[in-house]
Protein backbone atom coordinates (compact mmCIF):
# COMPACT_ATOMS: atom_id res chain seq x y z
CA UNK A 1 34.63 3.45 38.21
CA UNK A 2 36.52 0.22 38.54
CA UNK A 3 36.31 -2.11 35.55
CA UNK A 4 36.50 -5.87 35.69
CA UNK A 5 39.58 -7.32 34.07
CA UNK A 6 39.30 -10.45 31.92
CA UNK A 7 41.06 -12.43 34.64
CA UNK A 8 38.41 -11.45 37.21
CA UNK A 9 35.40 -12.36 35.04
CA UNK A 10 33.20 -15.22 36.27
CA UNK A 11 34.55 -18.62 35.38
CA UNK A 12 32.93 -21.97 34.85
CA UNK A 13 30.59 -20.70 32.10
CA UNK A 14 30.62 -22.54 28.78
CA UNK A 15 32.35 -20.78 25.92
CA UNK A 16 30.57 -20.98 22.59
CA UNK A 17 32.58 -20.57 19.43
CA UNK A 18 31.31 -20.07 15.91
CA UNK A 19 29.37 -23.00 14.51
CA UNK A 20 27.70 -23.57 11.14
CA UNK A 21 24.00 -22.86 10.88
CA UNK A 22 21.74 -25.53 9.38
CA UNK A 23 20.92 -25.23 5.70
CA UNK A 24 17.50 -26.83 6.17
CA UNK A 25 14.94 -27.17 8.95
CA UNK A 26 12.35 -29.93 8.88
CA UNK A 27 9.17 -29.08 10.82
CA UNK A 28 7.20 -32.03 12.21
CA UNK A 29 3.81 -30.99 13.65
CA UNK A 30 2.57 -33.55 16.18
CA UNK A 31 -0.42 -34.49 18.30
CA UNK A 32 -0.32 -37.87 20.04
CA UNK A 33 2.54 -39.24 17.92
CA UNK A 34 4.91 -40.52 20.63
CA UNK A 35 5.36 -43.88 18.87
CA UNK A 36 5.90 -42.44 15.40
CA UNK A 37 7.99 -39.33 16.01
CA UNK A 38 11.27 -41.05 17.03
CA UNK A 39 11.15 -43.11 13.83
CA UNK A 40 10.33 -40.02 11.77
CA UNK A 41 13.30 -38.15 13.25
CA UNK A 42 15.63 -41.06 12.57
CA UNK A 43 14.44 -41.37 8.97
CA UNK A 44 14.79 -37.64 8.27
CA UNK A 45 18.30 -37.66 9.76
CA UNK A 46 19.24 -40.59 7.53
CA UNK A 47 17.78 -38.92 4.42
CA UNK A 48 19.73 -35.69 5.11
CA UNK A 49 22.98 -37.41 6.12
CA UNK A 50 25.98 -35.28 5.16
CA UNK A 51 23.98 -32.02 5.26
CA UNK A 52 23.54 -29.42 7.97
CA UNK A 53 20.01 -29.85 9.30
CA UNK A 54 17.75 -29.33 12.26
CA UNK A 55 14.37 -30.79 13.16
CA UNK A 56 11.72 -28.79 14.99
CA UNK A 57 8.87 -30.83 16.43
CA UNK A 58 5.87 -28.60 17.13
CA UNK A 59 3.65 -30.47 19.57
CA UNK A 60 0.13 -29.38 20.43
CA UNK A 61 0.52 -30.38 24.09
CA UNK A 62 -0.14 -34.06 23.35
CA UNK A 63 -1.58 -35.94 26.35
CA UNK A 64 0.37 -39.05 25.32
CA UNK A 65 3.72 -37.42 26.20
CA UNK A 66 5.01 -36.79 22.68
CA UNK A 67 6.94 -33.72 23.84
CA UNK A 68 8.69 -35.76 26.57
CA UNK A 69 9.89 -38.24 23.96
CA UNK A 70 11.21 -35.45 21.74
CA UNK A 71 12.91 -33.66 24.63
CA UNK A 72 14.71 -36.88 25.54
CA UNK A 73 15.99 -37.09 21.96
CA UNK A 74 16.98 -33.42 22.06
CA UNK A 75 19.16 -34.04 25.12
CA UNK A 76 21.22 -36.47 23.04
CA UNK A 77 21.10 -34.50 19.78
CA UNK A 78 20.93 -30.71 19.85
CA UNK A 79 19.82 -30.61 16.23
CA UNK A 80 16.37 -31.70 17.42
CA UNK A 81 14.14 -29.15 19.15
CA UNK A 82 10.62 -29.27 20.55
CA UNK A 83 8.10 -26.43 20.66
CA UNK A 84 5.27 -27.39 23.00
CA UNK A 85 2.15 -25.36 22.31
CA UNK A 86 0.02 -25.05 25.44
CA UNK A 87 -3.54 -23.77 25.06
CA UNK A 88 -3.61 -23.78 21.28
CA UNK A 89 -4.02 -26.43 18.66
CA UNK A 90 -4.21 -26.80 14.90
CA UNK A 91 -1.95 -28.16 12.18
CA UNK A 92 -1.68 -24.94 10.18
CA UNK A 93 -0.77 -22.86 13.22
CA UNK A 94 1.80 -25.42 14.32
CA UNK A 95 3.43 -25.42 10.88
CA UNK A 96 3.65 -21.62 10.78
CA UNK A 97 5.19 -21.45 14.27
CA UNK A 98 7.75 -24.09 13.40
CA UNK A 99 8.77 -22.46 10.12
CA UNK A 100 9.11 -19.02 11.71
CA UNK A 101 11.30 -20.50 14.47
CA UNK A 102 13.69 -22.15 12.00
CA UNK A 103 17.39 -21.24 12.12
CA UNK A 104 17.92 -22.14 8.46
CA UNK A 105 17.06 -20.23 5.28
CA UNK A 106 15.07 -23.19 3.91
CA UNK A 107 12.25 -24.96 5.74
CA UNK A 108 10.31 -28.14 5.03
CA UNK A 109 7.06 -29.40 6.53
CA UNK A 110 6.11 -33.06 6.63
CA UNK A 111 3.87 -35.33 8.67
CA UNK A 112 5.28 -37.24 11.62
CA UNK A 113 3.03 -40.25 11.04
CA UNK A 114 5.52 -41.83 8.57
CA UNK A 115 3.16 -41.52 5.58
CA UNK A 116 5.44 -39.06 3.77
CA UNK A 117 8.53 -40.35 1.97
CA UNK A 118 11.51 -38.58 3.55
CA UNK A 119 13.91 -39.89 0.88
CA UNK A 120 12.77 -37.16 -1.55
CA UNK A 121 13.90 -34.38 0.81
CA UNK A 122 17.32 -34.01 -0.93
CA UNK A 123 15.62 -33.56 -4.33
CA UNK A 124 13.27 -30.98 -2.89
CA UNK A 125 16.18 -29.19 -1.22
CA UNK A 126 18.21 -28.98 -4.42
CA UNK A 127 15.22 -27.54 -6.29
CA UNK A 128 14.73 -24.74 -3.74
CA UNK A 129 18.41 -24.15 -3.02
CA UNK A 130 19.33 -23.86 -6.70
CA UNK A 131 16.58 -21.33 -7.30
CA UNK A 132 14.74 -23.48 -9.84
CA UNK A 133 11.70 -23.51 -7.55
CA UNK A 134 10.20 -21.21 -4.94
CA UNK A 135 8.24 -24.12 -3.47
CA UNK A 136 8.95 -27.84 -3.80
CA UNK A 137 5.97 -30.09 -3.12
CA UNK A 138 5.86 -33.80 -2.43
CA UNK A 139 3.04 -34.81 -4.77
CA UNK A 140 0.84 -37.89 -4.89
CA UNK A 141 -0.78 -36.92 -8.18
CA UNK A 142 2.05 -36.57 -10.68
CA UNK A 143 3.75 -39.33 -12.66
CA UNK A 144 5.53 -41.60 -10.21
CA UNK A 145 3.37 -40.64 -7.24
CA UNK A 146 0.59 -42.65 -5.60
CA UNK A 147 -1.93 -42.34 -2.77
CA UNK A 148 -3.75 -45.66 -2.87
CA UNK A 149 -1.84 -47.19 0.06
CA UNK A 150 -2.32 -44.42 2.62
CA UNK A 151 -5.84 -43.24 1.78
CA UNK A 152 -9.17 -45.02 1.75
CA UNK A 153 -11.27 -44.84 -1.41
CA UNK A 154 -13.52 -42.20 0.20
CA UNK A 155 -10.61 -40.02 1.27
CA UNK A 156 -8.97 -40.37 -2.15
CA UNK A 157 -12.16 -39.18 -3.82
CA UNK A 158 -12.48 -36.31 -1.35
CA UNK A 159 -8.86 -35.29 -1.83
CA UNK A 160 -9.21 -35.21 -5.61
CA UNK A 161 -12.44 -33.22 -5.38
CA UNK A 162 -10.76 -30.70 -3.07
CA UNK A 163 -7.81 -30.43 -5.44
CA UNK A 164 -10.17 -29.73 -8.33
CA UNK A 165 -12.01 -27.01 -6.39
CA UNK A 166 -8.73 -25.34 -5.42
CA UNK A 167 -7.62 -25.22 -9.05
CA UNK A 168 -10.92 -23.87 -10.38
CA UNK A 169 -11.83 -21.39 -7.63
CA UNK A 170 -8.40 -20.14 -6.58
CA UNK A 171 -6.43 -20.71 -9.76
CA UNK A 172 -3.89 -22.82 -7.88
CA UNK A 173 -1.54 -24.45 -10.38
CA UNK A 174 -0.75 -27.60 -8.46
CA UNK A 175 -1.62 -31.24 -8.98
CA UNK A 176 -1.64 -31.83 -5.22
CA UNK A 177 -2.48 -28.57 -3.39
CA UNK A 178 -3.76 -30.63 -0.45
CA UNK A 179 -0.31 -32.11 0.19
CA UNK A 180 1.14 -31.56 3.63
CA UNK A 181 4.69 -32.22 2.40
CA UNK A 182 6.51 -29.19 1.01
CA UNK A 183 9.61 -26.99 1.20
CA UNK A 184 10.31 -23.29 0.67
CA UNK A 185 12.49 -20.43 1.89
CA UNK A 186 11.77 -19.11 5.37
CA UNK A 187 11.71 -15.52 4.10
CA UNK A 188 8.66 -16.37 1.97
CA UNK A 189 6.85 -17.70 5.04
CA UNK A 190 7.70 -14.54 6.97
CA UNK A 191 6.41 -12.39 4.11
CA UNK A 192 3.14 -14.29 3.78
CA UNK A 193 2.59 -14.93 7.51
CA UNK A 194 0.04 -12.10 8.04
CA UNK A 195 -2.20 -13.66 5.37
CA UNK A 196 -2.05 -17.23 6.63
CA UNK A 197 -4.79 -18.87 8.67
CA UNK A 198 -3.85 -20.61 11.91
CA UNK A 199 -6.90 -22.85 11.68
CA UNK A 200 -7.33 -26.01 9.65
CA UNK A 201 -5.03 -28.51 8.03
CA UNK A 202 -4.25 -27.23 4.54
CA UNK A 203 -1.34 -24.86 5.06
CA UNK A 204 0.21 -25.47 1.61
CA UNK A 205 -2.98 -24.42 -0.16
CA UNK A 206 -3.06 -21.30 2.01
CA UNK A 207 0.55 -20.45 1.16
CA UNK A 208 0.15 -20.96 -2.59
CA UNK A 209 -3.15 -19.06 -2.70
CA UNK A 210 -1.60 -16.17 -0.73
CA UNK A 211 1.63 -16.00 -2.76
CA UNK A 212 2.06 -14.08 -6.05
CA UNK A 213 0.91 -15.99 -9.13
CA UNK A 214 4.46 -15.81 -10.49
CA UNK A 215 5.91 -18.27 -7.95
CA UNK A 216 7.64 -21.33 -9.40
CA UNK A 217 6.52 -24.69 -8.06
CA UNK A 218 8.18 -28.06 -8.57
CA UNK A 219 6.26 -31.22 -7.67
CA UNK A 220 8.34 -34.24 -6.69
CA UNK A 221 6.45 -37.56 -6.86
CA UNK A 222 6.18 -39.85 -3.85
CA UNK A 223 3.98 -42.73 -2.75
CA UNK A 224 1.77 -41.99 0.23
CA UNK A 225 2.37 -44.72 2.82
CA UNK A 226 0.06 -46.29 5.37
CA UNK A 227 0.09 -44.94 8.91
CA UNK A 228 2.18 -47.11 11.24
CA UNK A 229 0.79 -46.19 14.67
CA UNK A 230 -1.79 -43.85 16.17
CA UNK A 231 -4.92 -42.40 14.63
CA UNK A 232 -5.34 -39.97 11.75
CA UNK A 233 -6.25 -36.40 12.73
CA UNK A 234 -8.08 -35.85 9.42
CA UNK A 235 -11.83 -36.27 9.80
CA UNK A 236 -15.02 -35.09 8.14
CA UNK A 237 -14.47 -31.57 9.46
CA UNK A 238 -11.41 -31.07 7.24
CA UNK A 239 -13.59 -30.74 4.14
CA UNK A 240 -15.73 -28.06 5.79
CA UNK A 241 -12.65 -26.15 6.93
CA UNK A 242 -11.19 -26.49 3.43
CA UNK A 243 -14.30 -24.88 1.88
CA UNK A 244 -14.14 -22.07 4.45
CA UNK A 245 -10.48 -21.49 3.57
CA UNK A 246 -11.34 -21.22 -0.13
CA UNK A 247 -14.08 -18.69 0.65
CA UNK A 248 -11.69 -16.69 2.84
CA UNK A 249 -9.17 -16.51 -0.01
CA UNK A 250 -11.87 -15.54 -2.51
CA UNK A 251 -12.73 -12.66 -0.15
CA UNK A 252 -9.04 -11.61 -0.13
CA UNK A 253 -8.61 -12.60 3.54
CA UNK A 254 -11.11 -9.91 4.57
CA UNK A 255 -12.72 -12.43 6.93
CA UNK A 256 -11.09 -15.28 8.80
CA UNK A 257 -11.80 -18.97 8.35
CA UNK A 258 -13.14 -19.14 11.90
CA UNK A 259 -15.56 -16.25 11.29
CA UNK A 260 -16.85 -17.94 8.12
CA UNK A 261 -17.45 -21.16 10.05
CA UNK A 262 -19.19 -19.22 12.83
CA UNK A 263 -21.49 -17.54 10.31
CA UNK A 264 -22.20 -20.89 8.65
CA UNK A 265 -23.20 -22.35 12.00
CA UNK A 266 -25.41 -19.31 12.58
CA UNK A 267 -27.16 -19.92 9.26
CA UNK A 268 -28.03 -23.47 10.30
CA UNK A 269 -29.27 -22.03 13.60
CA UNK A 270 -31.78 -19.89 11.70
CA UNK A 271 -33.17 -23.03 10.05
CA UNK A 272 -33.41 -24.78 13.43
CA UNK A 273 -35.11 -21.72 14.94
CA UNK A 274 -37.75 -21.58 12.21
CA UNK A 275 -38.36 -25.34 12.38
CA UNK A 276 -38.91 -25.28 16.15
CA UNK A 277 -41.05 -22.15 15.91
CA UNK A 278 -43.25 -23.75 13.29
CA UNK A 279 -43.58 -26.94 15.35
CA UNK A 280 -44.52 -24.92 18.42
CA UNK A 281 -47.20 -22.94 16.61
CA UNK A 282 -49.10 -26.06 15.57
CA UNK A 283 -49.48 -27.10 19.23
CA UNK A 284 -52.92 -25.99 20.47
CA UNK A 285 -52.83 -23.33 23.16
CA UNK A 286 -49.18 -22.30 22.62
CA UNK A 287 -48.81 -18.54 22.23
CA UNK A 288 -46.41 -17.14 19.66
CA UNK A 289 -44.23 -15.55 22.35
CA UNK A 290 -43.78 -18.91 24.08
CA UNK A 291 -42.96 -20.71 20.83
CA UNK A 292 -40.54 -17.95 19.87
CA UNK A 293 -38.78 -18.17 23.24
CA UNK A 294 -38.42 -21.96 23.02
CA UNK A 295 -37.15 -21.71 19.43
CA UNK A 296 -34.59 -19.09 20.44
CA UNK A 297 -33.20 -21.22 23.27
CA UNK A 298 -33.07 -24.34 21.09
CA UNK A 299 -31.31 -22.43 18.29
CA UNK A 300 -28.75 -20.96 20.69
CA UNK A 301 -28.11 -24.42 22.14
CA UNK A 302 -27.72 -25.85 18.64
CA UNK A 303 -25.26 -23.09 17.69
CA UNK A 304 -23.20 -23.64 20.82
CA UNK A 305 -22.72 -27.37 20.34
CA UNK A 306 -22.06 -27.04 16.59
CA UNK A 307 -19.52 -24.27 17.17
CA UNK A 308 -17.89 -26.31 19.90
CA UNK A 309 -17.63 -29.27 17.51
CA UNK A 310 -16.54 -27.37 14.40
CA UNK A 311 -15.61 -23.69 14.69
CA UNK A 312 -13.68 -24.04 17.95
CA UNK A 313 -12.53 -27.64 17.60
CA UNK A 314 -9.05 -26.53 18.66
CA UNK A 315 -10.52 -25.10 21.89
CA UNK A 316 -13.25 -27.70 22.32
CA UNK A 317 -14.91 -27.65 25.75
CA UNK A 318 -15.63 -30.79 27.77
CA UNK A 319 -17.36 -31.65 31.06
CA UNK A 320 -18.04 -28.78 33.43
CA UNK A 321 -16.23 -26.38 31.11
CA UNK A 322 -18.85 -27.17 28.48
CA UNK A 323 -21.68 -26.37 30.90
CA UNK A 324 -20.06 -23.05 31.84
CA UNK A 325 -19.45 -22.36 28.18
CA UNK A 326 -23.09 -22.99 27.29
CA UNK A 327 -24.27 -20.58 29.96
CA UNK A 328 -21.83 -17.90 28.83
CA UNK A 329 -22.96 -18.45 25.22
CA UNK A 330 -26.58 -17.88 26.27
CA UNK A 331 -25.49 -14.59 27.88
CA UNK A 332 -23.45 -13.52 24.85
CA UNK A 333 -26.28 -14.25 22.41
CA UNK A 334 -28.84 -12.51 24.63
CA UNK A 335 -26.76 -9.35 24.58
CA UNK A 336 -26.34 -9.85 20.84
CA UNK A 337 -30.11 -9.69 20.44
CA UNK A 338 -30.14 -6.37 22.34
CA UNK A 339 -27.39 -5.01 20.08
CA UNK A 340 -29.22 -6.28 16.99
CA UNK A 341 -32.51 -4.64 17.90
CA UNK A 342 -30.87 -1.42 19.09
CA UNK A 343 -28.81 -0.87 15.96
CA UNK A 344 -31.67 -1.85 13.67
CA UNK A 345 -33.93 0.65 15.44
CA UNK A 346 -31.45 3.49 15.07
CA UNK A 347 -30.82 2.78 11.39
CA UNK A 348 -34.55 2.50 10.65
CA UNK A 349 -35.22 5.78 12.43
CA UNK A 350 -32.53 7.44 10.32
CA UNK A 351 -33.50 6.29 6.81
CA UNK A 352 -36.83 4.44 7.18
CA UNK A 353 -35.63 1.55 4.94
CA UNK A 354 -36.66 -1.58 6.80
CA UNK A 355 -34.40 -4.07 5.03
CA UNK A 356 -31.29 -1.91 5.47
CA UNK A 357 -32.08 -1.63 9.17
CA UNK A 358 -32.65 -5.36 9.42
CA UNK A 359 -29.33 -6.22 7.76
CA UNK A 360 -27.43 -3.66 9.86
CA UNK A 361 -28.84 -5.11 13.07
CA UNK A 362 -28.11 -8.68 12.02
CA UNK A 363 -24.51 -7.85 11.09
CA UNK A 364 -23.84 -6.06 14.36
CA UNK A 365 -25.44 -8.87 16.34
CA UNK A 366 -23.42 -11.51 14.50
CA UNK A 367 -20.11 -9.67 14.94
CA UNK A 368 -20.87 -9.18 18.64
CA UNK A 369 -21.69 -12.85 19.12
CA UNK A 370 -18.49 -13.91 17.38
CA UNK A 371 -16.18 -11.52 19.22
CA UNK A 372 -17.77 -11.98 22.64
CA UNK A 373 -18.01 -15.77 22.45
CA UNK A 374 -14.36 -15.98 21.35
CA UNK A 375 -13.36 -13.91 24.39
CA UNK A 376 -15.69 -15.44 26.97
CA UNK A 377 -16.89 -18.87 25.87
CA UNK A 378 -13.93 -20.31 23.97
CA UNK A 379 -11.15 -18.15 25.34
CA UNK A 380 -7.64 -19.60 25.35
CA UNK A 381 -6.88 -20.95 28.81
């Protein structure tokens, strides 16, 4: 067999020699931040001047063209990369993807809306690099830190309440577990990744709650700045997701945050069902079967729109897709009723304990509704 000599190998291909790997990667999760992200990249580069760094922008397929802006920067500076996530959305998931994709042993996460103070990055890096800390956190609630400029009075109160709940319920030893500004070694992220939720906004709390209690944390004070451009992605749903995350951790990650939210929505649906049923029964001439049917349809409709707004906010349906989704949800829930009744009947026939049969049927029906609606109604497109 004839071998190709070095002289006959294809020419014109670039030759890459050894080059130093970055010592730190800064992950910037984005959604509609085209005006802020170039400034954020410039500020991070200035703060880390003289060090080997890279920046990974993880963009949730922003309709404003954020990824195009980042790609244009990347063409001029190879230390900047963009991961464009198509068909999936969520701050926590974006942060995890960016940290896992890092080429450096140390990774940092910070907002791209210019509210985090990038000048403390070198202090955070030294703490992690020297081994004095497993996680370095940019904190608003230690001496020297402040949050009054970037948060309204309501959001400040909510943030402090959430911090208090995290400390009491999860034993998190942090003054600012709700911070989105932190740094740690990539190997820790890789080790904890199976336990981390992809939903929600509070990835630091998830990491600290999932890590061994022996981890060392250093909090570096900074002043939370006002947003320069764009709109905040934090709304009233963040608090609900935060409570679901706490419950998931208390249950040792046995159930996901999304499943907890789905069950919570289902509980409100029971209340709606009973309210409509009661209202229907006081109408003269309305048979129980008719009232029950109307109540069932109303409750299913309620559950669909609430799940679309909360549980599946990262896959939220609009327009005709919402209509198709509602119809598929009706189908899923109808089959769930069949599964509920069938399982309950079999269990009751086996042990004759009515409440055990009722619970078994309800659990099977709920699990079916969750799994089937995730696959059919809110499937990733």
